[in-house]
Amino acid sequence: MVDTIQINIIDRAGERHQLDAPTDMGMNIMELCKAYELPVEGTCGGMALCASCHVYVLSEQKLPEPTDDELAMLDAAFFVQANSRLGCQLKLKEELNGLTLELAPLVCGGES
């Protein structure tokens, strides 16, 4: 079992960040981004209630299907695309090694 994988995040300025992601701590993408001080708010604390960790999936890894709660939140979010997911709902697992994501634009305030 691999304890660390690589996750690629493209921030809102277009800069690519290669992050070392632990798979043995139960973390998700939102928490990983916050740990690396990338601009992901995670206002609801990972409960799929705010979409402030909205990301676009740019690579082909097989991801778990979104839950009904995640789909409902994305339905109410801005800038949603076919490849949209909530970072708080994507747990760091070995199968995600090499995953590339892009941070979705903010609705108002902060970095755009």
PDB file of N, CA and C in Angstrom:
ATOM      1  N   MET A   1       0.836  -1.191   0.000  1.00  0.00           N
ATOM      2  CA  MET A   1       0.000   0.000   0.000  1.00  0.00           C
ATOM      3  C   MET A   1       0.875   1.247   0.000  1.00  0.00           C
ATOM      4  N   VAL A   2       0.511   2.212  -0.820  1.00  0.00           N
ATOM      5  CA  VAL A   2       1.257   3.457  -0.930  1.00  0.00           C
ATOM      6  C   VAL A   2       0.740   4.440   0.115  1.00  0.00           C
ATOM      7  N   ASP A   3       1.651   5.074   0.875  1.00  0.00           N
ATOM      8  CA  ASP A   3       1.250   6.035   1.897  1.00  0.00           C
ATOM      9  C   ASP A   3       1.171   7.458   1.369  1.00  0.00           C
ATOM     10  N   THR A   4       1.824   7.734   0.229  1.00  0.00           N
ATOM     11  CA  THR A   4       1.826   9.080  -0.343  1.00  0.00           C
ATOM     12  C   THR A   4       1.634   8.983  -1.849  1.00  0.00           C
ATOM     13  N   ILE A   5       0.730   9.810  -2.357  1.00  0.00           N
ATOM     14  CA  ILE A   5       0.496   9.892  -3.800  1.00  0.00           C
ATOM     15  C   ILE A   5       0.729  11.330  -4.248  1.00  0.00           C
ATOM     16  N   GLN A   6       0.738  11.531  -5.546  1.00  0.00           N
ATOM     17  CA  GLN A   6       0.895  12.864  -6.125  1.00  0.00           C
ATOM     18  C   GLN A   6      -0.455  13.337  -6.657  1.00  0.00           C
ATOM     19  N   ILE A   7      -0.843  14.556  -6.281  1.00  0.00           N
ATOM     20  CA  ILE A   7      -2.045  15.199  -6.791  1.00  0.00           C
ATOM     21  C   ILE A   7      -1.610  16.511  -7.424  1.00  0.00           C
ATOM     22  N   ASN A   8      -2.087  16.784  -8.625  1.00  0.00           N
ATOM     23  CA  ASN A   8      -1.746  18.018  -9.334  1.00  0.00           C
ATOM     24  C   ASN A   8      -2.934  18.973  -9.265  1.00  0.00           C
ATOM     25  N   ILE A   9      -2.670  20.175  -8.799  1.00  0.00           N
ATOM     26  CA  ILE A   9      -3.716  21.196  -8.677  1.00  0.00           C
ATOM     27  C   ILE A   9      -3.313  22.395  -9.523  1.00  0.00           C
ATOM     28  N   ILE A  10      -4.213  22.844 -10.377  1.00  0.00           N
ATOM     29  CA  ILE A  10      -4.007  24.083 -11.125  1.00  0.00           C
ATOM     30  C   ILE A  10      -4.818  25.155 -10.411  1.00  0.00           C
ATOM     31  N   ASP A  11      -4.117  26.184  -9.914  1.00  0.00           N
ATOM     32  CA  ASP A  11      -4.824  27.214  -9.157  1.00  0.00           C
ATOM     33  C   ASP A  11      -5.536  28.188 -10.093  1.00  0.00           C
ATOM     34  N   ARG A  12      -6.188  29.175  -9.531  1.00  0.00           N
ATOM     35  CA  ARG A  12      -6.992  30.105 -10.330  1.00  0.00           C
ATOM     36  C   ARG A  12      -6.159  31.054 -11.174  1.00  0.00           C
ATOM     37  N   ALA A  13      -4.857  31.109 -10.924  1.00  0.00           N
ATOM     38  CA  ALA A  13      -3.943  31.904 -11.749  1.00  0.00           C
ATOM     39  C   ALA A  13      -3.320  31.058 -12.851  1.00  0.00           C
ATOM     40  N   GLY A  14      -3.684  29.779 -12.921  1.00  0.00           N
ATOM     41  CA  GLY A  14      -3.154  28.882 -13.936  1.00  0.00           C
ATOM     42  C   GLY A  14      -1.854  28.210 -13.555  1.00  0.00           C
ATOM     43  N   GLU A  15      -1.389  28.415 -12.327  1.00  0.00           N
ATOM     44  CA  GLU A  15      -0.138  27.799 -11.871  1.00  0.00           C
ATOM     45  C   GLU A  15      -0.400  26.373 -11.405  1.00  0.00           C
ATOM     46  N   ARG A  16       0.471  25.459 -11.818  1.00  0.00           N
ATOM     47  CA  ARG A  16       0.343  24.037 -11.472  1.00  0.00           C
ATOM     48  C   ARG A  16       1.152  23.742 -10.212  1.00  0.00           C
ATOM     49  N   HIS A  17       0.524  23.027  -9.282  1.00  0.00           N
ATOM     50  CA  HIS A  17       1.162  22.635  -8.023  1.00  0.00           C
ATOM     51  C   HIS A  17       1.120  21.115  -7.935  1.00  0.00           C
ATOM     52  N   GLN A  18       2.279  20.496  -7.727  1.00  0.00           N
ATOM     53  CA  GLN A  18       2.330  19.053  -7.523  1.00  0.00           C
ATOM     54  C   GLN A  18       2.421  18.814  -6.022  1.00  0.00           C
ATOM     55  N   LEU A  19       1.380  18.207  -5.461  1.00  0.00           N
ATOM     56  CA  LEU A  19       1.280  18.045  -4.020  1.00  0.00           C
ATOM     57  C   LEU A  19       1.491  16.597  -3.616  1.00  0.00           C
ATOM     58  N   ASP A  20       2.267  16.402  -2.563  1.00  0.00           N
ATOM     59  CA  ASP A  20       2.395  15.085  -1.947  1.00  0.00           C
ATOM     60  C   ASP A  20       1.184  14.908  -1.041  1.00  0.00           C
ATOM     61  N   ALA A  21       0.443  13.841  -1.247  1.00  0.00           N
ATOM     62  CA  ALA A  21      -0.811  13.635  -0.543  1.00  0.00           C
ATOM     63  C   ALA A  21      -0.779  12.330   0.245  1.00  0.00           C
ATOM     64  N   PRO A  22      -0.945  12.392   1.563  1.00  0.00           N
ATOM     65  CA  PRO A  22      -0.954  11.163   2.364  1.00  0.00           C
ATOM     66  C   PRO A  22      -2.259  10.404   2.177  1.00  0.00           C
ATOM     67  N   THR A  23      -2.152   9.100   2.032  1.00  0.00           N
ATOM     68  CA  THR A  23      -3.357   8.269   1.873  1.00  0.00           C
ATOM     69  C   THR A  23      -3.750   7.581   3.174  1.00  0.00           C
ATOM     70  N   ASP A  24      -2.969   7.789   4.220  1.00  0.00           N
ATOM     71  CA  ASP A  24      -3.199   7.070   5.477  1.00  0.00           C
ATOM     72  C   ASP A  24      -3.794   7.950   6.574  1.00  0.00           C
ATOM     73  N   MET A  25      -4.307   9.130   6.206  1.00  0.00           N
ATOM     74  CA  MET A  25      -4.830  10.051   7.219  1.00  0.00           C
ATOM     75  C   MET A  25      -6.315  10.355   7.052  1.00  0.00           C
ATOM     76  N   GLY A  26      -6.969   9.762   6.050  1.00  0.00           N
ATOM     77  CA  GLY A  26      -8.384  10.010   5.835  1.00  0.00           C
ATOM     78  C   GLY A  26      -8.703  11.395   5.305  1.00  0.00           C
ATOM     79  N   MET A  27      -7.712  12.057   4.684  1.00  0.00           N
ATOM     80  CA  MET A  27      -7.908  13.411   4.168  1.00  0.00           C
ATOM     81  C   MET A  27      -8.643  13.393   2.834  1.00  0.00           C
ATOM     82  N   ASN A  28      -9.184  14.554   2.474  1.00  0.00           N
ATOM     83  CA  ASN A  28      -9.800  14.725   1.167  1.00  0.00           C
ATOM     84  C   ASN A  28      -9.078  15.838   0.410  1.00  0.00           C
ATOM     85  N   ILE A  29      -9.475  16.081  -0.820  1.00  0.00           N
ATOM     86  CA  ILE A  29      -8.819  17.089  -1.669  1.00  0.00           C
ATOM     87  C   ILE A  29      -8.903  18.478  -1.052  1.00  0.00           C
ATOM     88  N   MET A  30     -10.051  18.856  -0.493  1.00  0.00           N
ATOM     89  CA  MET A  30     -10.193  20.165   0.132  1.00  0.00           C
ATOM     90  C   MET A  30      -9.176  20.344   1.260  1.00  0.00           C
ATOM     91  N   GLU A  31      -9.064  19.347   2.116  1.00  0.00           N
ATOM     92  CA  GLU A  31      -8.127  19.427   3.234  1.00  0.00           C
ATOM     93  C   GLU A  31      -6.681  19.487   2.744  1.00  0.00           C
ATOM     94  N   LEU A  32      -6.373  18.745   1.693  1.00  0.00           N
ATOM     95  CA  LEU A  32      -5.030  18.776   1.119  1.00  0.00           C
ATOM     96  C   LEU A  32      -4.708  20.177   0.603  1.00  0.00           C
ATOM     97  N   CYS A  33      -5.628  20.771  -0.131  1.00  0.00           N
ATOM     98  CA  CYS A  33      -5.410  22.122  -0.652  1.00  0.00           C
ATOM     99  C   CYS A  33      -5.211  23.124   0.478  1.00  0.00           C
ATOM    100  N   LYS A  34      -6.017  23.012   1.512  1.00  0.00           N
ATOM    101  CA  LYS A  34      -5.869  23.916   2.659  1.00  0.00           C
ATOM    102  C   LYS A  34      -4.512  23.717   3.341  1.00  0.00           C
ATOM    103  N   ALA A  35      -4.062  22.465   3.446  1.00  0.00           N
ATOM    104  CA  ALA A  35      -2.775  22.179   4.073  1.00  0.00           C
ATOM    105  C   ALA A  35      -1.626  22.827   3.305  1.00  0.00           C
ATOM    106  N   TYR A  36      -1.765  22.934   1.992  1.00  0.00           N
ATOM    107  CA  TYR A  36      -0.749  23.571   1.151  1.00  0.00           C
ATOM    108  C   TYR A  36      -1.045  25.056   0.927  1.00  0.00           C
ATOM    109  N   GLU A  37      -2.021  25.583   1.660  1.00  0.00           N
ATOM    110  CA  GLU A  37      -2.401  26.997   1.610  1.00  0.00           C
ATOM    111  C   GLU A  37      -2.830  27.456   0.224  1.00  0.00           C
ATOM    112  N   LEU A  38      -3.472  26.559  -0.512  1.00  0.00           N
ATOM    113  CA  LEU A  38      -4.092  26.943  -1.783  1.00  0.00           C
ATOM    114  C   LEU A  38      -5.452  27.556  -1.466  1.00  0.00           C
ATOM    115  N   PRO A  39      -5.951  28.439  -2.314  1.00  0.00           N
ATOM    116  CA  PRO A  39      -7.168  29.196  -1.995  1.00  0.00           C
ATOM    117  C   PRO A  39      -8.465  28.387  -2.137  1.00  0.00           C
ATOM    118  N   VAL A  40      -8.664  27.459  -1.219  1.00  0.00           N
ATOM    119  CA  VAL A  40      -9.899  26.674  -1.135  1.00  0.00           C
ATOM    120  C   VAL A  40     -10.468  26.943   0.251  1.00  0.00           C
ATOM    121  N   GLU A  41     -11.684  27.457   0.292  1.00  0.00           N
ATOM    122  CA  GLU A  41     -12.247  27.875   1.562  1.00  0.00           C
ATOM    123  C   GLU A  41     -12.725  26.716   2.427  1.00  0.00           C
ATOM    124  N   GLY A  42     -13.513  25.829   1.871  1.00  0.00           N
ATOM    125  CA  GLY A  42     -14.051  24.740   2.684  1.00  0.00           C
ATOM    126  C   GLY A  42     -14.918  25.260   3.812  1.00  0.00           C
ATOM    127  N   THR A  43     -15.745  26.232   3.500  1.00  0.00           N
ATOM    128  CA  THR A  43     -16.548  26.937   4.497  1.00  0.00           C
ATOM    129  C   THR A  43     -17.380  26.003   5.361  1.00  0.00           C
ATOM    130  N   CYS A  44     -17.946  24.955   4.785  1.00  0.00           N
ATOM    131  CA  CYS A  44     -18.837  24.059   5.537  1.00  0.00           C
ATOM    132  C   CYS A  44     -18.075  22.951   6.263  1.00  0.00           C
ATOM    133  N   GLY A  45     -16.768  22.921   6.119  1.00  0.00           N
ATOM    134  CA  GLY A  45     -15.967  21.912   6.806  1.00  0.00           C
ATOM    135  C   GLY A  45     -16.014  20.533   6.175  1.00  0.00           C
ATOM    136  N   GLY A  46     -16.408  20.465   4.913  1.00  0.00           N
ATOM    137  CA  GLY A  46     -16.387  19.185   4.216  1.00  0.00           C
ATOM    138  C   GLY A  46     -17.699  18.423   4.241  1.00  0.00           C
ATOM    139  N   MET A  47     -18.793  19.121   4.443  1.00  0.00           N
ATOM    140  CA  MET A  47     -20.108  18.478   4.539  1.00  0.00           C
ATOM    141  C   MET A  47     -20.907  18.532   3.239  1.00  0.00           C
ATOM    142  N   ALA A  48     -20.303  18.992   2.135  1.00  0.00           N
ATOM    143  CA  ALA A  48     -20.976  19.130   0.838  1.00  0.00           C
ATOM    144  C   ALA A  48     -22.156  20.097   0.922  1.00  0.00           C
ATOM    145  N   LEU A  49     -21.957  21.196   1.669  1.00  0.00           N
ATOM    146  CA  LEU A  49     -23.029  22.167   1.871  1.00  0.00           C
ATOM    147  C   LEU A  49     -22.734  23.558   1.320  1.00  0.00           C
ATOM    148  N   CYS A  50     -21.553  23.763   0.702  1.00  0.00           N
ATOM    149  CA  CYS A  50     -21.239  25.145   0.300  1.00  0.00           C
ATOM    150  C   CYS A  50     -20.607  25.279  -1.084  1.00  0.00           C
ATOM    151  N   ALA A  51     -19.987  24.289  -1.613  1.00  0.00           N
ATOM    152  CA  ALA A  51     -19.309  24.309  -2.920  1.00  0.00           C
ATOM    153  C   ALA A  51     -18.106  25.234  -2.975  1.00  0.00           C
ATOM    154  N   SER A  52     -17.563  25.649  -1.830  1.00  0.00           N
ATOM    155  CA  SER A  52     -16.374  26.513  -1.852  1.00  0.00           C
ATOM    156  C   SER A  52     -15.092  25.716  -2.113  1.00  0.00           C
ATOM    157  N   CYS A  53     -15.218  24.406  -2.319  1.00  0.00           N
ATOM    158  CA  CYS A  53     -14.084  23.551  -2.690  1.00  0.00           C
ATOM    159  C   CYS A  53     -14.306  22.939  -4.075  1.00  0.00           C
ATOM    160  N   HIS A  54     -15.103  23.608  -4.883  1.00  0.00           N
ATOM    161  CA  HIS A  54     -15.467  23.148  -6.229  1.00  0.00           C
ATOM    162  C   HIS A  54     -14.208  23.053  -7.100  1.00  0.00           C
ATOM    163  N   VAL A  55     -14.034  21.917  -7.746  1.00  0.00           N
ATOM    164  CA  VAL A  55     -12.889  21.683  -8.632  1.00  0.00           C
ATOM    165  C   VAL A  55     -13.374  21.059  -9.937  1.00  0.00           C
ATOM    166  N   TYR A  56     -12.517  21.154 -10.950  1.00  0.00           N
ATOM    167  CA  TYR A  56     -12.746  20.479 -12.228  1.00  0.00           C
ATOM    168  C   TYR A  56     -11.744  19.335 -12.334  1.00  0.00           C
ATOM    169  N   VAL A  57     -12.206  18.159 -12.665  1.00  0.00           N
ATOM    170  CA  VAL A  57     -11.353  16.982 -12.827  1.00  0.00           C
ATOM    171  C   VAL A  57     -10.813  16.990 -14.255  1.00  0.00           C
ATOM    172  N   LEU A  58      -9.489  17.024 -14.400  1.00  0.00           N
ATOM    173  CA  LEU A  58      -8.858  17.133 -15.714  1.00  0.00           C
ATOM    174  C   LEU A  58      -8.177  15.848 -16.167  1.00  0.00           C
ATOM    175  N   SER A  59      -8.128  14.848 -15.323  1.00  0.00           N
ATOM    176  CA  SER A  59      -7.472  13.592 -15.703  1.00  0.00           C
ATOM    177  C   SER A  59      -8.483  12.451 -15.670  1.00  0.00           C
ATOM    178  N   GLU A  60      -8.029  11.265 -16.013  1.00  0.00           N
ATOM    179  CA  GLU A  60      -8.929  10.141 -16.287  1.00  0.00           C
ATOM    180  C   GLU A  60      -9.074   9.123 -15.165  1.00  0.00           C
ATOM    181  N   GLN A  61      -8.577   9.409 -13.965  1.00  0.00           N
ATOM    182  CA  GLN A  61      -8.707   8.434 -12.883  1.00  0.00           C
ATOM    183  C   GLN A  61     -10.180   8.128 -12.627  1.00  0.00           C
ATOM    184  N   LYS A  62     -10.432   6.887 -12.268  1.00  0.00           N
ATOM    185  CA  LYS A  62     -11.782   6.465 -11.900  1.00  0.00           C
ATOM    186  C   LYS A  62     -12.088   7.015 -10.506  1.00  0.00           C
ATOM    187  N   LEU A  63     -13.103   7.851 -10.430  1.00  0.00           N
ATOM    188  CA  LEU A  63     -13.494   8.451  -9.160  1.00  0.00           C
ATOM    189  C   LEU A  63     -14.774   7.811  -8.659  1.00  0.00           C
ATOM    190  N   PRO A  64     -14.989   7.842  -7.348  1.00  0.00           N
ATOM    191  CA  PRO A  64     -16.266   7.350  -6.843  1.00  0.00           C
ATOM    192  C   PRO A  64     -17.404   8.213  -7.381  1.00  0.00           C
ATOM    193  N   GLU A  65     -18.553   7.624  -7.558  1.00  0.00           N
ATOM    194  CA  GLU A  65     -19.711   8.376  -8.035  1.00  0.00           C
ATOM    195  C   GLU A  65     -20.088   9.443  -7.004  1.00  0.00           C
ATOM    196  N   PRO A  66     -20.517  10.621  -7.458  1.00  0.00           N
ATOM    197  CA  PRO A  66     -20.947  11.649  -6.499  1.00  0.00           C
ATOM    198  C   PRO A  66     -22.206  11.205  -5.752  1.00  0.00           C
ATOM    199  N   THR A  67     -22.285  11.606  -4.497  1.00  0.00           N
ATOM    200  CA  THR A  67     -23.473  11.303  -3.698  1.00  0.00           C
ATOM    201  C   THR A  67     -24.612  12.231  -4.104  1.00  0.00           C
ATOM    202  N   ASP A  68     -25.806  11.932  -3.659  1.00  0.00           N
ATOM    203  CA  ASP A  68     -26.943  12.814  -3.922  1.00  0.00           C
ATOM    204  C   ASP A  68     -26.710  14.201  -3.330  1.00  0.00           C
ATOM    205  N   ASP A  69     -26.096  14.273  -2.138  1.00  0.00           N
ATOM    206  CA  ASP A  69     -25.805  15.570  -1.510  1.00  0.00           C
ATOM    207  C   ASP A  69     -24.832  16.386  -2.359  1.00  0.00           C
ATOM    208  N   GLU A  70     -23.796  15.709  -2.888  1.00  0.00           N
ATOM    209  CA  GLU A  70     -22.830  16.416  -3.730  1.00  0.00           C
ATOM    210  C   GLU A  70     -23.500  16.919  -5.005  1.00  0.00           C
ATOM    211  N   LEU A  71     -24.305  16.086  -5.627  1.00  0.00           N
ATOM    212  CA  LEU A  71     -24.996  16.492  -6.851  1.00  0.00           C
ATOM    213  C   LEU A  71     -25.946  17.655  -6.596  1.00  0.00           C
ATOM    214  N   ALA A  72     -26.638  17.639  -5.467  1.00  0.00           N
ATOM    215  CA  ALA A  72     -27.549  18.732  -5.123  1.00  0.00           C
ATOM    216  C   ALA A  72     -26.783  20.041  -4.925  1.00  0.00           C
ATOM    217  N   MET A  73     -25.620  19.962  -4.279  1.00  0.00           N
ATOM    218  CA  MET A  73     -24.823  21.170  -4.059  1.00  0.00           C
ATOM    219  C   MET A  73     -24.272  21.688  -5.376  1.00  0.00           C
ATOM    220  N   LEU A  74     -23.795  20.800  -6.226  1.00  0.00           N
ATOM    221  CA  LEU A  74     -23.291  21.234  -7.534  1.00  0.00           C
ATOM    222  C   LEU A  74     -24.411  21.831  -8.381  1.00  0.00           C
ATOM    223  N   ASP A  75     -25.617  21.318  -8.227  1.00  0.00           N
ATOM    224  CA  ASP A  75     -26.768  21.842  -8.967  1.00  0.00           C
ATOM    225  C   ASP A  75     -27.037  23.302  -8.606  1.00  0.00           C
ATOM    226  N   ALA A  76     -26.685  23.692  -7.388  1.00  0.00           N
ATOM    227  CA  ALA A  76     -26.902  25.059  -6.924  1.00  0.00           C
ATOM    228  C   ALA A  76     -25.652  25.941  -7.065  1.00  0.00           C
ATOM    229  N   ALA A  77     -24.535  25.366  -7.468  1.00  0.00           N
ATOM    230  CA  ALA A  77     -23.270  26.098  -7.549  1.00  0.00           C
ATOM    231  C   ALA A  77     -23.141  26.857  -8.875  1.00  0.00           C
ATOM    232  N   PHE A  78     -22.185  27.769  -8.911  1.00  0.00           N
ATOM    233  CA  PHE A  78     -21.868  28.528 -10.110  1.00  0.00           C
ATOM    234  C   PHE A  78     -20.723  27.861 -10.871  1.00  0.00           C
ATOM    235  N   PHE A  79     -20.627  28.133 -12.152  1.00  0.00           N
ATOM    236  CA  PHE A  79     -19.517  27.687 -13.010  1.00  0.00           C
ATOM    237  C   PHE A  79     -19.385  26.165 -13.078  1.00  0.00           C
ATOM    238  N   VAL A  80     -20.481  25.445 -12.933  1.00  0.00           N
ATOM    239  CA  VAL A  80     -20.463  23.982 -12.954  1.00  0.00           C
ATOM    240  C   VAL A  80     -20.272  23.491 -14.387  1.00  0.00           C
ATOM    241  N   GLN A  81     -19.415  22.485 -14.529  1.00  0.00           N
ATOM    242  CA  GLN A  81     -19.169  21.843 -15.812  1.00  0.00           C
ATOM    243  C   GLN A  81     -19.393  20.338 -15.646  1.00  0.00           C
ATOM    244  N   ALA A  82     -19.340  19.614 -16.724  1.00  0.00           N
ATOM    245  CA  ALA A  82     -19.545  18.160 -16.674  1.00  0.00           C
ATOM    246  C   ALA A  82     -18.515  17.459 -15.788  1.00  0.00           C
ATOM    247  N   ASN A  83     -17.333  18.047 -15.645  1.00  0.00           N
ATOM    248  CA  ASN A  83     -16.258  17.449 -14.848  1.00  0.00           C
ATOM    249  C   ASN A  83     -16.142  18.063 -13.448  1.00  0.00           C
ATOM    250  N   SER A  84     -17.173  18.745 -12.989  1.00  0.00           N
ATOM    251  CA  SER A  84     -17.162  19.374 -11.666  1.00  0.00           C
ATOM    252  C   SER A  84     -17.330  18.345 -10.554  1.00  0.00           C
ATOM    253  N   ARG A  85     -16.589  18.556  -9.475  1.00  0.00           N
ATOM    254  CA  ARG A  85     -16.732  17.766  -8.245  1.00  0.00           C
ATOM    255  C   ARG A  85     -16.464  18.694  -7.069  1.00  0.00           C
ATOM    256  N   LEU A  86     -16.866  18.255  -5.884  1.00  0.00           N
ATOM    257  CA  LEU A  86     -16.520  18.948  -4.654  1.00  0.00           C
ATOM    258  C   LEU A  86     -15.292  18.267  -4.068  1.00  0.00           C
ATOM    259  N   GLY A  87     -14.250  19.050  -3.835  1.00  0.00           N
ATOM    260  CA  GLY A  87     -13.009  18.492  -3.306  1.00  0.00           C
ATOM    261  C   GLY A  87     -13.184  17.791  -1.972  1.00  0.00           C
ATOM    262  N   CYS A  88     -14.140  18.255  -1.171  1.00  0.00           N
ATOM    263  CA  CYS A  88     -14.358  17.644   0.139  1.00  0.00           C
ATOM    264  C   CYS A  88     -14.914  16.232   0.034  1.00  0.00           C
ATOM    265  N   GLN A  89     -15.423  15.869  -1.115  1.00  0.00           N
ATOM    266  CA  GLN A  89     -16.020  14.551  -1.299  1.00  0.00           C
ATOM    267  C   GLN A  89     -15.069  13.558  -1.970  1.00  0.00           C
ATOM    268  N   LEU A  90     -13.852  13.996  -2.268  1.00  0.00           N
ATOM    269  CA  LEU A  90     -12.858  13.127  -2.915  1.00  0.00           C
ATOM    270  C   LEU A  90     -11.774  12.773  -1.904  1.00  0.00           C
ATOM    271  N   LYS A  91     -11.900  11.583  -1.324  1.00  0.00           N
ATOM    272  CA  LYS A  91     -10.936  11.105  -0.335  1.00  0.00           C
ATOM    273  C   LYS A  91      -9.632  10.704  -1.022  1.00  0.00           C
ATOM    274  N   LEU A  92      -8.524  10.999  -0.363  1.00  0.00           N
ATOM    275  CA  LEU A  92      -7.208  10.654  -0.901  1.00  0.00           C
ATOM    276  C   LEU A  92      -6.982   9.151  -0.763  1.00  0.00           C
ATOM    277  N   LYS A  93      -6.898   8.490  -1.912  1.00  0.00           N
ATOM    278  CA  LYS A  93      -6.668   7.046  -1.965  1.00  0.00           C
ATOM    279  C   LYS A  93      -5.640   6.760  -3.045  1.00  0.00           C
ATOM    280  N   GLU A  94      -5.009   5.616  -2.955  1.00  0.00           N
ATOM    281  CA  GLU A  94      -3.962   5.212  -3.892  1.00  0.00           C
ATOM    282  C   GLU A  94      -4.416   5.318  -5.347  1.00  0.00           C
ATOM    283  N   GLU A  95      -5.686   5.034  -5.610  1.00  0.00           N
ATOM    284  CA  GLU A  95      -6.219   5.063  -6.979  1.00  0.00           C
ATOM    285  C   GLU A  95      -6.201   6.469  -7.586  1.00  0.00           C
ATOM    286  N   LEU A  96      -6.067   7.496  -6.763  1.00  0.00           N
ATOM    287  CA  LEU A  96      -6.065   8.879  -7.256  1.00  0.00           C
ATOM    288  C   LEU A  96      -4.665   9.389  -7.597  1.00  0.00           C
ATOM    289  N   ASN A  97      -3.659   8.539  -7.481  1.00  0.00           N
ATOM    290  CA  ASN A  97      -2.292   8.974  -7.788  1.00  0.00           C
ATOM    291  C   ASN A  97      -2.228   9.579  -9.191  1.00  0.00           C
ATOM    292  N   GLY A  98      -1.690  10.792  -9.286  1.00  0.00           N
ATOM    293  CA  GLY A  98      -1.558  11.480 -10.563  1.00  0.00           C
ATOM    294  C   GLY A  98      -2.770  12.311 -10.951  1.00  0.00           C
ATOM    295  N   LEU A  99      -3.803  12.319 -10.115  1.00  0.00           N
ATOM    296  CA  LEU A  99      -5.017  13.080 -10.404  1.00  0.00           C
ATOM    297  C   LEU A  99      -4.680  14.558 -10.636  1.00  0.00           C
ATOM    298  N   THR A 100      -5.276  15.139 -11.672  1.00  0.00           N
ATOM    299  CA  THR A 100      -5.105  16.560 -11.953  1.00  0.00           C
ATOM    300  C   THR A 100      -6.453  17.249 -11.843  1.00  0.00           C
ATOM    301  N   LEU A 101      -6.476  18.311 -11.044  1.00  0.00           N
ATOM    302  CA  LEU A 101      -7.680  19.089 -10.790  1.00  0.00           C
ATOM    303  C   LEU A 101      -7.388  20.563 -11.017  1.00  0.00           C
ATOM    304  N   GLU A 102      -8.423  21.308 -11.331  1.00  0.00           N
ATOM    305  CA  GLU A 102      -8.317  22.763 -11.444  1.00  0.00           C
ATOM    306  C   GLU A 102      -9.319  23.374 -10.487  1.00  0.00           C
ATOM    307  N   LEU A 103      -8.891  24.403  -9.736  1.00  0.00           N
ATOM    308  CA  LEU A 103      -9.806  25.087  -8.833  1.00  0.00           C
ATOM    309  C   LEU A 103     -10.802  25.885  -9.656  1.00  0.00           C
ATOM    310  N   ALA A 104     -12.080  25.737  -9.350  1.00  0.00           N
ATOM    311  CA  ALA A 104     -13.133  26.484 -10.035  1.00  0.00           C
ATOM    312  C   ALA A 104     -13.073  27.951  -9.593  1.00  0.00           C
ATOM    313  N   PRO A 105     -13.567  28.858 -10.435  1.00  0.00           N
ATOM    314  CA  PRO A 105     -13.569  30.279 -10.072  1.00  0.00           C
ATOM    315  C   PRO A 105     -14.430  30.529  -8.831  1.00  0.00           C
ATOM    316  N   LEU A 106     -14.060  31.575  -8.101  1.00  0.00           N
ATOM    317  CA  LEU A 106     -14.873  32.006  -6.971  1.00  0.00           C
ATOM    318  C   LEU A 106     -16.064  32.800  -7.482  1.00  0.00           C
ATOM    319  N   VAL A 107     -17.135  32.761  -6.724  1.00  0.00           N
ATOM    320  CA  VAL A 107     -18.347  33.496  -7.109  1.00  0.00           C
ATOM    321  C   VAL A 107     -18.163  34.988  -6.873  1.00  0.00           C
ATOM    322  N   CYS A 108     -17.642  35.361  -5.715  1.00  0.00           N
ATOM    323  CA  CYS A 108     -17.426  36.776  -5.422  1.00  0.00           C
ATOM    324  C   CYS A 108     -16.287  36.918  -4.432  1.00  0.00           C
ATOM    325  N   GLY A 109     -15.632  38.059  -4.497  1.00  0.00           N
ATOM    326  CA  GLY A 109     -14.548  38.343  -3.576  1.00  0.00           C
ATOM    327  C   GLY A 109     -13.353  37.452  -3.799  1.00  0.00           C
ATOM    328  N   GLY A 110     -12.268  37.747  -3.115  1.00  0.00           N
ATOM    329  CA  GLY A 110     -11.058  36.927  -3.169  1.00  0.00           C
ATOM    330  C   GLY A 110     -10.473  36.824  -4.562  1.00  0.00           C
ATOM    331  N   GLU A 111      -9.685  35.794  -4.745  1.00  0.00           N
ATOM    332  CA  GLU A 111      -9.009  35.525  -6.014  1.00  0.00           C
ATOM    333  C   GLU A 111     -10.014  35.085  -7.054  1.00  0.00           C
ATOM    334  N   SER A 112      -9.843  35.493  -8.299  1.00  0.00           N
ATOM    335  CA  SER A 112     -10.765  35.036  -9.351  1.00  0.00           C
ATOM    336  C   SER A 112     -10.052  34.162 -10.350  1.00  0.00           C
TER     337      SER A 112
END
